[in-house]
Amino acid sequence: MECPLARIERLKAPQAEAKARLDQVRADLLAAFVAAHRAGEQVDLLEWIEAHLSATGTPASGFGNDLLGDPGFVRNLREGRKVRQVTNELVRRHLAR
């Protein structure tokens, strides 16, 4: 019978590999949004923000607060809020860096 600690150690390696693959997919997705933006393609702002949050681990409230002084910004977008053109451009410039 396998020791519980040995089983835990045996399961850690695949978990670490899966996390590394997921992190790479998140980074690739974010890079694809940036590349599409730079190529002049119109990308959905909320999808881009979600990719950024996922890839960087940034909390939604922190993103909105740091960029716009509005911790509810992403939540409001998720609920259907529309943004002014100036805000849209500001957020897109920030995400394209």
N, C-alpha and C. Protein backbone atom coordinates (compact mmCIF):
# COMPACT_ATOMS: atom_id res chain seq x y z
N MET A 1 0.84 -1.18 0.00
CA MET A 1 0.00 0.00 0.00
C MET A 1 0.89 1.25 0.00
N GLU A 2 0.51 2.21 -0.84
CA GLU A 2 1.31 3.43 -0.99
C GLU A 2 1.11 4.35 0.22
N CYS A 3 2.19 4.90 0.68
CA CYS A 3 2.16 5.87 1.78
C CYS A 3 1.45 7.13 1.30
N PRO A 4 0.57 7.71 2.12
CA PRO A 4 -0.15 8.93 1.70
C PRO A 4 0.78 10.07 1.28
N LEU A 5 1.89 10.24 2.00
CA LEU A 5 2.81 11.31 1.62
C LEU A 5 3.48 11.03 0.27
N ALA A 6 3.77 9.76 0.01
CA ALA A 6 4.37 9.41 -1.28
C ALA A 6 3.37 9.67 -2.40
N ARG A 7 2.11 9.38 -2.15
CA ARG A 7 1.07 9.64 -3.16
C ARG A 7 0.95 11.14 -3.44
N ILE A 8 1.00 11.94 -2.38
CA ILE A 8 0.93 13.39 -2.54
C ILE A 8 2.09 13.87 -3.42
N GLU A 9 3.27 13.41 -3.14
CA GLU A 9 4.45 13.81 -3.92
C GLU A 9 4.33 13.35 -5.37
N ARG A 10 3.79 12.16 -5.57
CA ARG A 10 3.63 11.63 -6.92
C ARG A 10 2.63 12.47 -7.72
N LEU A 11 1.62 13.00 -7.05
CA LEU A 11 0.60 13.79 -7.73
C LEU A 11 1.02 15.25 -7.95
N LYS A 12 2.00 15.72 -7.21
CA LYS A 12 2.43 17.10 -7.34
C LYS A 12 3.03 17.39 -8.72
N ALA A 13 3.80 16.46 -9.25
CA ALA A 13 4.49 16.70 -10.53
C ALA A 13 3.49 16.97 -11.66
N PRO A 14 2.48 16.11 -11.88
CA PRO A 14 1.52 16.41 -12.94
C PRO A 14 0.76 17.71 -12.68
N GLN A 15 0.51 18.00 -11.44
CA GLN A 15 -0.20 19.24 -11.11
C GLN A 15 0.67 20.45 -11.48
N ALA A 16 1.94 20.38 -11.17
CA ALA A 16 2.85 21.48 -11.50
C ALA A 16 2.97 21.63 -13.02
N GLU A 17 3.03 20.52 -13.73
CA GLU A 17 3.10 20.57 -15.20
C GLU A 17 1.82 21.18 -15.78
N ALA A 18 0.68 20.80 -15.26
CA ALA A 18 -0.59 21.35 -15.73
C ALA A 18 -0.68 22.85 -15.46
N LYS A 19 -0.21 23.26 -14.29
CA LYS A 19 -0.22 24.69 -13.97
C LYS A 19 0.69 25.46 -14.93
N ALA A 20 1.85 24.91 -15.22
CA ALA A 20 2.77 25.57 -16.15
C ALA A 20 2.15 25.68 -17.55
N ARG A 21 1.47 24.63 -18.00
CA ARG A 21 0.81 24.66 -19.31
C ARG A 21 -0.32 25.70 -19.32
N LEU A 22 -1.10 25.75 -18.25
CA LEU A 22 -2.18 26.72 -18.14
C LEU A 22 -1.64 28.14 -18.13
N ASP A 23 -0.57 28.36 -17.38
CA ASP A 23 0.06 29.69 -17.35
C ASP A 23 0.54 30.09 -18.75
N GLN A 24 1.09 29.15 -19.49
CA GLN A 24 1.56 29.44 -20.84
C GLN A 24 0.39 29.76 -21.78
N VAL A 25 -0.70 29.02 -21.65
CA VAL A 25 -1.88 29.29 -22.47
C VAL A 25 -2.43 30.68 -22.15
N ARG A 26 -2.48 31.03 -20.88
CA ARG A 26 -2.96 32.36 -20.49
C ARG A 26 -2.06 33.45 -21.08
N ALA A 27 -0.76 33.26 -21.00
CA ALA A 27 0.18 34.25 -21.55
C ALA A 27 0.04 34.34 -23.07
N ASP A 28 -0.13 33.20 -23.73
CA ASP A 28 -0.30 33.19 -25.19
C ASP A 28 -1.60 33.90 -25.59
N LEU A 29 -2.66 33.68 -24.83
CA LEU A 29 -3.93 34.34 -25.12
C LEU A 29 -3.80 35.84 -24.99
N LEU A 30 -3.16 36.29 -23.93
CA LEU A 30 -2.97 37.71 -23.74
C LEU A 30 -2.12 38.29 -24.87
N ALA A 31 -1.07 37.59 -25.26
CA ALA A 31 -0.22 38.05 -26.36
C ALA A 31 -1.01 38.13 -27.66
N ALA A 32 -1.94 37.20 -27.87
CA ALA A 32 -2.76 37.22 -29.08
C ALA A 32 -3.67 38.45 -29.10
N PHE A 33 -4.22 38.82 -27.95
CA PHE A 33 -5.04 40.03 -27.89
C PHE A 33 -4.21 41.26 -28.22
N VAL A 34 -3.01 41.34 -27.67
CA VAL A 34 -2.14 42.49 -27.93
C VAL A 34 -1.77 42.54 -29.41
N ALA A 35 -1.42 41.38 -29.99
CA ALA A 35 -1.06 41.33 -31.41
C ALA A 35 -2.23 41.74 -32.30
N ALA A 36 -3.42 41.29 -31.97
CA ALA A 36 -4.60 41.65 -32.77
C ALA A 36 -4.84 43.16 -32.68
N HIS A 37 -4.69 43.72 -31.51
CA HIS A 37 -4.87 45.16 -31.33
C HIS A 37 -3.85 45.93 -32.16
N ARG A 38 -2.60 45.50 -32.10
CA ARG A 38 -1.54 46.20 -32.84
C ARG A 38 -1.71 46.05 -34.35
N ALA A 39 -2.37 44.98 -34.76
CA ALA A 39 -2.63 44.77 -36.19
C ALA A 39 -3.85 45.57 -36.66
N GLY A 40 -4.47 46.29 -35.74
CA GLY A 40 -5.61 47.12 -36.11
C GLY A 40 -6.94 46.40 -36.06
N GLU A 41 -6.96 45.21 -35.55
CA GLU A 41 -8.22 44.47 -35.43
C GLU A 41 -8.97 44.93 -34.18
N GLN A 42 -10.27 44.95 -34.28
CA GLN A 42 -11.10 45.35 -33.14
C GLN A 42 -11.30 44.12 -32.26
N VAL A 43 -10.85 44.20 -31.03
CA VAL A 43 -11.02 43.10 -30.09
C VAL A 43 -11.97 43.54 -28.98
N ASP A 44 -12.73 42.62 -28.48
CA ASP A 44 -13.69 42.91 -27.42
C ASP A 44 -12.95 43.33 -26.15
N LEU A 45 -13.29 44.49 -25.63
CA LEU A 45 -12.59 45.04 -24.48
C LEU A 45 -12.71 44.13 -23.26
N LEU A 46 -13.90 43.67 -22.96
CA LEU A 46 -14.08 42.83 -21.77
C LEU A 46 -13.32 41.51 -21.90
N GLU A 47 -13.35 40.91 -23.07
CA GLU A 47 -12.59 39.66 -23.27
C GLU A 47 -11.11 39.90 -23.06
N TRP A 48 -10.62 41.02 -23.55
CA TRP A 48 -9.21 41.35 -23.40
C TRP A 48 -8.86 41.57 -21.93
N ILE A 49 -9.72 42.29 -21.24
CA ILE A 49 -9.50 42.51 -19.81
C ILE A 49 -9.50 41.18 -19.06
N GLU A 50 -10.45 40.31 -19.37
CA GLU A 50 -10.52 39.00 -18.70
C GLU A 50 -9.24 38.20 -18.96
N ALA A 51 -8.73 38.24 -20.19
CA ALA A 51 -7.48 37.53 -20.50
C ALA A 51 -6.33 38.12 -19.69
N HIS A 52 -6.30 39.42 -19.59
CA HIS A 52 -5.26 40.10 -18.81
C HIS A 52 -5.33 39.70 -17.33
N LEU A 53 -6.54 39.72 -16.79
CA LEU A 53 -6.70 39.37 -15.38
C LEU A 53 -6.26 37.93 -15.13
N SER A 54 -6.65 37.03 -16.02
CA SER A 54 -6.29 35.63 -15.87
C SER A 54 -4.78 35.42 -15.99
N ALA A 55 -4.17 36.06 -16.98
CA ALA A 55 -2.74 35.86 -17.23
C ALA A 55 -1.87 36.47 -16.14
N THR A 56 -2.31 37.58 -15.58
CA THR A 56 -1.48 38.27 -14.59
C THR A 56 -1.86 37.98 -13.15
N GLY A 57 -3.04 37.39 -12.96
CA GLY A 57 -3.50 37.13 -11.59
C GLY A 57 -3.98 38.38 -10.88
N THR A 58 -4.21 39.43 -11.65
CA THR A 58 -4.68 40.69 -11.09
C THR A 58 -6.15 40.58 -10.71
N PRO A 59 -6.53 41.00 -9.51
CA PRO A 59 -7.95 41.01 -9.17
C PRO A 59 -8.69 42.08 -9.99
N ALA A 60 -9.92 41.80 -10.34
CA ALA A 60 -10.71 42.72 -11.15
C ALA A 60 -10.82 44.08 -10.47
N SER A 61 -11.04 44.09 -9.17
CA SER A 61 -11.18 45.36 -8.46
C SER A 61 -9.86 46.13 -8.46
N GLY A 62 -8.76 45.43 -8.38
CA GLY A 62 -7.46 46.09 -8.40
C GLY A 62 -7.17 46.71 -9.76
N PHE A 63 -7.54 46.01 -10.82
CA PHE A 63 -7.34 46.53 -12.18
C PHE A 63 -8.09 47.84 -12.36
N GLY A 64 -9.37 47.84 -12.03
CA GLY A 64 -10.17 49.04 -12.19
C GLY A 64 -9.72 50.17 -11.28
N ASN A 65 -9.35 49.83 -10.07
CA ASN A 65 -8.92 50.85 -9.12
C ASN A 65 -7.59 51.47 -9.54
N ASP A 66 -6.63 50.65 -9.92
CA ASP A 66 -5.32 51.15 -10.30
C ASP A 66 -5.37 52.00 -11.57
N LEU A 67 -6.16 51.57 -12.54
CA LEU A 67 -6.19 52.25 -13.83
C LEU A 67 -7.13 53.45 -13.84
N LEU A 68 -8.29 53.31 -13.22
CA LEU A 68 -9.31 54.34 -13.34
C LEU A 68 -9.80 54.90 -12.01
N GLY A 69 -9.31 54.36 -10.91
CA GLY A 69 -9.82 54.78 -9.61
C GLY A 69 -11.22 54.27 -9.36
N ASP A 70 -11.60 53.19 -10.06
CA ASP A 70 -12.96 52.64 -9.97
C ASP A 70 -12.87 51.13 -9.75
N PRO A 71 -12.89 50.67 -8.49
CA PRO A 71 -12.76 49.23 -8.24
C PRO A 71 -13.91 48.40 -8.82
N GLY A 72 -15.03 49.01 -9.13
CA GLY A 72 -16.17 48.29 -9.69
C GLY A 72 -16.20 48.29 -11.22
N PHE A 73 -15.17 48.83 -11.85
CA PHE A 73 -15.16 48.98 -13.30
C PHE A 73 -15.39 47.65 -14.03
N VAL A 74 -14.61 46.63 -13.72
CA VAL A 74 -14.73 45.34 -14.41
C VAL A 74 -16.07 44.68 -14.09
N ARG A 75 -16.48 44.73 -12.84
CA ARG A 75 -17.78 44.17 -12.46
C ARG A 75 -18.89 44.83 -13.27
N ASN A 76 -18.83 46.14 -13.39
CA ASN A 76 -19.85 46.85 -14.16
C ASN A 76 -19.80 46.48 -15.64
N LEU A 77 -18.61 46.29 -16.19
CA LEU A 77 -18.50 45.83 -17.59
C LEU A 77 -19.15 44.46 -17.74
N ARG A 78 -18.88 43.59 -16.79
CA ARG A 78 -19.46 42.24 -16.84
C ARG A 78 -20.99 42.30 -16.79
N GLU A 79 -21.51 43.33 -16.14
CA GLU A 79 -22.97 43.50 -16.03
C GLU A 79 -23.56 44.29 -17.20
N GLY A 80 -22.71 44.62 -18.19
CA GLY A 80 -23.22 45.27 -19.39
C GLY A 80 -22.94 46.75 -19.53
N ARG A 81 -22.18 47.31 -18.62
CA ARG A 81 -21.86 48.73 -18.70
C ARG A 81 -21.15 49.05 -20.01
N LYS A 82 -21.50 50.16 -20.59
CA LYS A 82 -20.81 50.67 -21.78
C LYS A 82 -19.82 51.72 -21.31
N VAL A 83 -18.70 51.84 -22.00
CA VAL A 83 -17.70 52.82 -21.62
C VAL A 83 -17.60 53.92 -22.67
N ARG A 84 -17.22 55.10 -22.21
CA ARG A 84 -16.99 56.20 -23.14
C ARG A 84 -15.76 55.89 -23.99
N GLN A 85 -15.68 56.54 -25.13
CA GLN A 85 -14.57 56.31 -26.05
C GLN A 85 -13.23 56.60 -25.39
N VAL A 86 -13.15 57.67 -24.63
CA VAL A 86 -11.88 58.03 -23.99
C VAL A 86 -11.45 56.95 -23.00
N THR A 87 -12.40 56.38 -22.26
CA THR A 87 -12.08 55.30 -21.32
C THR A 87 -11.66 54.05 -22.08
N ASN A 88 -12.38 53.74 -23.15
CA ASN A 88 -12.05 52.59 -23.98
C ASN A 88 -10.60 52.70 -24.48
N GLU A 89 -10.23 53.86 -24.99
CA GLU A 89 -8.89 54.05 -25.52
C GLU A 89 -7.83 53.98 -24.41
N LEU A 90 -8.13 54.54 -23.25
CA LEU A 90 -7.20 54.49 -22.13
C LEU A 90 -6.93 53.04 -21.71
N VAL A 91 -7.99 52.27 -21.57
CA VAL A 91 -7.84 50.87 -21.16
C VAL A 91 -7.09 50.08 -22.22
N ARG A 92 -7.42 50.28 -23.48
CA ARG A 92 -6.73 49.56 -24.56
C ARG A 92 -5.25 49.92 -24.62
N ARG A 93 -4.92 51.19 -24.45
CA ARG A 93 -3.49 51.58 -24.43
C ARG A 93 -2.77 50.89 -23.28
N HIS A 94 -3.42 50.85 -22.13
CA HIS A 94 -2.82 50.19 -20.96
C HIS A 94 -2.60 48.70 -21.23
N LEU A 95 -3.58 48.04 -21.80
CA LEU A 95 -3.47 46.61 -22.05
C LEU A 95 -2.46 46.28 -23.15
N ALA A 96 -2.24 47.21 -24.07
CA ALA A 96 -1.32 46.95 -25.18
C ALA A 96 0.15 47.13 -24.81
N ARG A 97 0.41 47.61 -23.60
CA ARG A 97 1.82 47.79 -23.19
C ARG A 97 2.50 46.48 -22.98
